[in-house]
Amino acid sequence: REPRRVRIGKNNNSFAHADVWLRLLQRVTGRADLHHLTTRAWDHLFPTRGFQSQHLAWCPLCLSADLIPYHRLAWAIQPVRICARHASPLQTNCQRCRKTLPVIHDRSGVTMCPRCGEDLRIVNENAVAAGCSDFALWTAIEVGQL
């Protein structure tokens, strides 16, 4: 329906969709270690619906601290709303355009908004000030250990 977006939730976990994408990506890239990009190993632990977020979530502090920035798989898990490392809320909206971001977009970049080009490493001070619950932090830590 939307040619510039890929609905990753259906392709990155169960129903064997991940296996099809994985085989295709491995063939195209010549890599054999791409199974780490999927949640297939966890399928028996989590429900297949509502497992992954429909939109990108990120920790600007982690992206800023990384020598080579990357998005953690745990950030894509819907119940994870907090960065386990920084105990701050994950951001889900661009600071400039205020829109939620698709997981993959034809202009996707690790540290930039594909819609307006804003740097995703900019911290939303309002979100940080809001803090997080102990349960949200526990959830992020437990999922991160998987």
Protein backbone atom coordinates (compact mmCIF):
# COMPACT_ATOMS: atom_id res chain seq x y z
CA ARG A 1 0.00 0.00 0.00
CA GLU A 2 2.83 2.36 0.84
CA PRO A 3 5.74 1.70 -1.52
CA ARG A 4 8.27 3.60 0.62
CA ARG A 5 7.63 1.53 3.75
CA VAL A 6 8.21 -2.05 4.78
CA ARG A 7 6.04 -3.36 7.60
CA ILE A 8 8.86 -5.07 9.46
CA GLY A 9 6.68 -6.55 12.21
CA LYS A 10 5.32 -9.22 9.88
CA ASN A 11 8.73 -9.93 8.41
CA ASN A 12 11.01 -9.89 11.43
CA ASN A 13 9.30 -12.51 13.56
CA SER A 14 7.04 -15.53 13.29
CA PHE A 15 4.81 -17.06 10.60
CA ALA A 16 7.94 -17.97 8.60
CA HIS A 17 7.92 -14.54 6.94
CA ALA A 18 11.25 -13.89 8.62
CA ASP A 19 12.71 -17.01 7.05
CA VAL A 20 11.77 -15.87 3.55
CA TRP A 21 13.26 -12.40 4.10
CA LEU A 22 16.32 -13.90 5.75
CA ARG A 23 17.06 -16.23 2.84
CA LEU A 24 16.61 -13.37 0.38
CA LEU A 25 18.86 -10.99 2.32
CA GLN A 26 21.53 -13.64 2.82
CA ARG A 27 21.52 -14.38 -0.89
CA VAL A 28 21.72 -10.70 -1.85
CA THR A 29 24.38 -9.76 0.72
CA GLY A 30 26.39 -12.97 0.69
CA ARG A 31 26.26 -13.11 4.50
CA ALA A 32 25.30 -16.12 6.59
CA ASP A 33 24.93 -14.43 9.99
CA LEU A 34 21.79 -12.41 9.39
CA HIS A 35 19.63 -14.66 11.58
CA HIS A 36 20.65 -12.35 14.45
CA LEU A 37 18.47 -9.67 12.82
CA THR A 38 15.29 -11.62 13.44
CA THR A 39 13.39 -12.64 16.54
CA ARG A 40 12.86 -16.21 15.34
CA ALA A 41 14.79 -17.65 18.29
CA TRP A 42 12.33 -15.93 20.64
CA ASP A 43 9.08 -16.93 18.91
CA HIS A 44 8.26 -19.51 21.54
CA LEU A 45 8.64 -16.91 24.33
CA PHE A 46 6.43 -14.10 23.05
CA PRO A 47 3.06 -13.67 21.38
CA THR A 48 3.08 -13.17 17.63
CA ARG A 49 0.72 -10.18 17.78
CA GLY A 50 1.68 -6.92 19.39
CA PHE A 51 5.25 -8.10 19.83
CA GLN A 52 7.07 -5.55 17.71
CA SER A 53 6.47 -1.83 17.47
CA GLN A 54 4.97 -0.52 14.27
CA HIS A 55 7.19 2.57 14.49
CA LEU A 56 10.85 3.22 15.15
CA ALA A 57 11.94 3.79 18.75
CA TRP A 58 15.43 4.92 19.79
CA CYS A 59 17.59 6.21 22.60
CA PRO A 60 19.36 9.40 21.51
CA LEU A 61 21.91 8.97 24.30
CA CYS A 62 22.92 5.53 23.03
CA LEU A 63 23.09 6.74 19.43
CA SER A 64 25.28 9.65 20.56
CA ALA A 65 27.60 7.41 22.58
CA ASP A 66 28.09 4.75 19.89
CA LEU A 67 31.28 4.91 17.83
CA ILE A 68 29.21 3.36 15.06
CA PRO A 69 25.55 4.14 15.87
CA TYR A 70 23.02 1.34 15.54
CA HIS A 71 19.44 0.61 16.62
CA ARG A 72 19.11 -2.15 19.21
CA LEU A 73 16.73 -5.01 18.49
CA ALA A 74 15.27 -4.59 22.00
CA TRP A 75 14.06 -1.10 21.02
CA ALA A 76 11.78 -2.72 18.41
CA ILE A 77 10.01 -4.86 21.01
CA GLN A 78 6.68 -3.19 21.79
CA PRO A 79 6.71 -3.57 25.60
CA VAL A 80 10.16 -1.93 25.77
CA ARG A 81 9.59 1.79 26.29
CA ILE A 82 12.74 2.62 28.23
CA CYS A 83 16.46 2.47 27.46
CA ALA A 84 17.85 -0.06 29.92
CA ARG A 85 21.28 1.59 29.80
CA HIS A 86 20.19 5.17 30.45
CA ALA A 87 16.84 4.57 32.23
CA SER A 88 15.26 7.17 29.99
CA PRO A 89 12.20 6.89 27.73
CA LEU A 90 12.81 5.77 24.16
CA GLN A 91 11.90 8.43 21.66
CA THR A 92 9.30 7.65 19.04
CA ASN A 93 8.75 11.04 17.43
CA CYS A 94 11.13 13.28 15.53
CA GLN A 95 11.96 16.47 17.43
CA ARG A 96 11.51 18.68 14.35
CA CYS A 97 8.57 17.25 12.39
CA ARG A 98 6.97 15.54 15.45
CA LYS A 99 6.01 12.48 13.39
CA THR A 100 6.46 8.83 14.27
CA LEU A 101 9.01 7.20 12.00
CA PRO A 102 8.62 3.98 10.04
CA VAL A 103 11.00 1.19 10.96
CA ILE A 104 12.36 1.12 7.42
CA HIS A 105 11.99 3.90 4.88
CA ASP A 106 13.71 4.47 1.54
CA ARG A 107 15.56 7.40 3.17
CA SER A 108 16.25 5.61 6.47
CA GLY A 109 19.41 6.52 8.29
CA VAL A 110 20.51 5.41 11.72
CA THR A 111 20.84 8.92 13.10
CA MET A 112 18.47 10.95 10.94
CA CYS A 113 14.76 11.35 10.44
CA PRO A 114 13.83 10.03 6.98
CA ARG A 115 11.07 12.62 6.71
CA CYS A 116 12.84 15.90 7.54
CA GLY A 117 16.50 15.00 8.10
CA GLU A 118 16.61 15.96 11.80
CA ASP A 119 19.34 14.37 13.92
CA LEU A 120 17.82 11.58 16.06
CA ARG A 121 20.56 12.02 18.66
CA ILE A 122 18.87 15.17 19.97
CA VAL A 123 17.36 14.43 23.37
CA ASN A 124 13.70 15.27 24.05
CA GLU A 125 14.11 16.94 27.43
CA ASN A 126 10.36 16.71 28.15
CA ALA A 127 10.42 12.94 27.76
CA VAL A 128 13.49 12.57 29.97
CA ALA A 129 11.93 14.80 32.63
CA ALA A 130 8.84 12.57 32.62
CA GLY A 131 11.00 9.70 33.85
CA CYS A 132 10.03 6.06 33.82
CA SER A 133 8.33 3.53 36.03
CA ASP A 134 10.20 0.75 37.80
CA PHE A 135 8.19 -1.81 35.80
CA ALA A 136 9.12 -0.19 32.47
CA LEU A 137 12.79 -0.24 33.44
CA TRP A 138 12.56 -3.87 34.61
CA THR A 139 10.91 -4.84 31.30
CA ALA A 140 13.66 -3.15 29.27
CA ILE A 141 16.40 -4.82 31.30
CA GLU A 142 14.84 -8.29 31.07
CA VAL A 143 14.17 -8.09 27.32
CA GLY A 144 17.68 -6.70 26.79
CA GLN A 145 19.18 -9.75 28.48
CA LEU A 146 17.51 -12.08 25.99
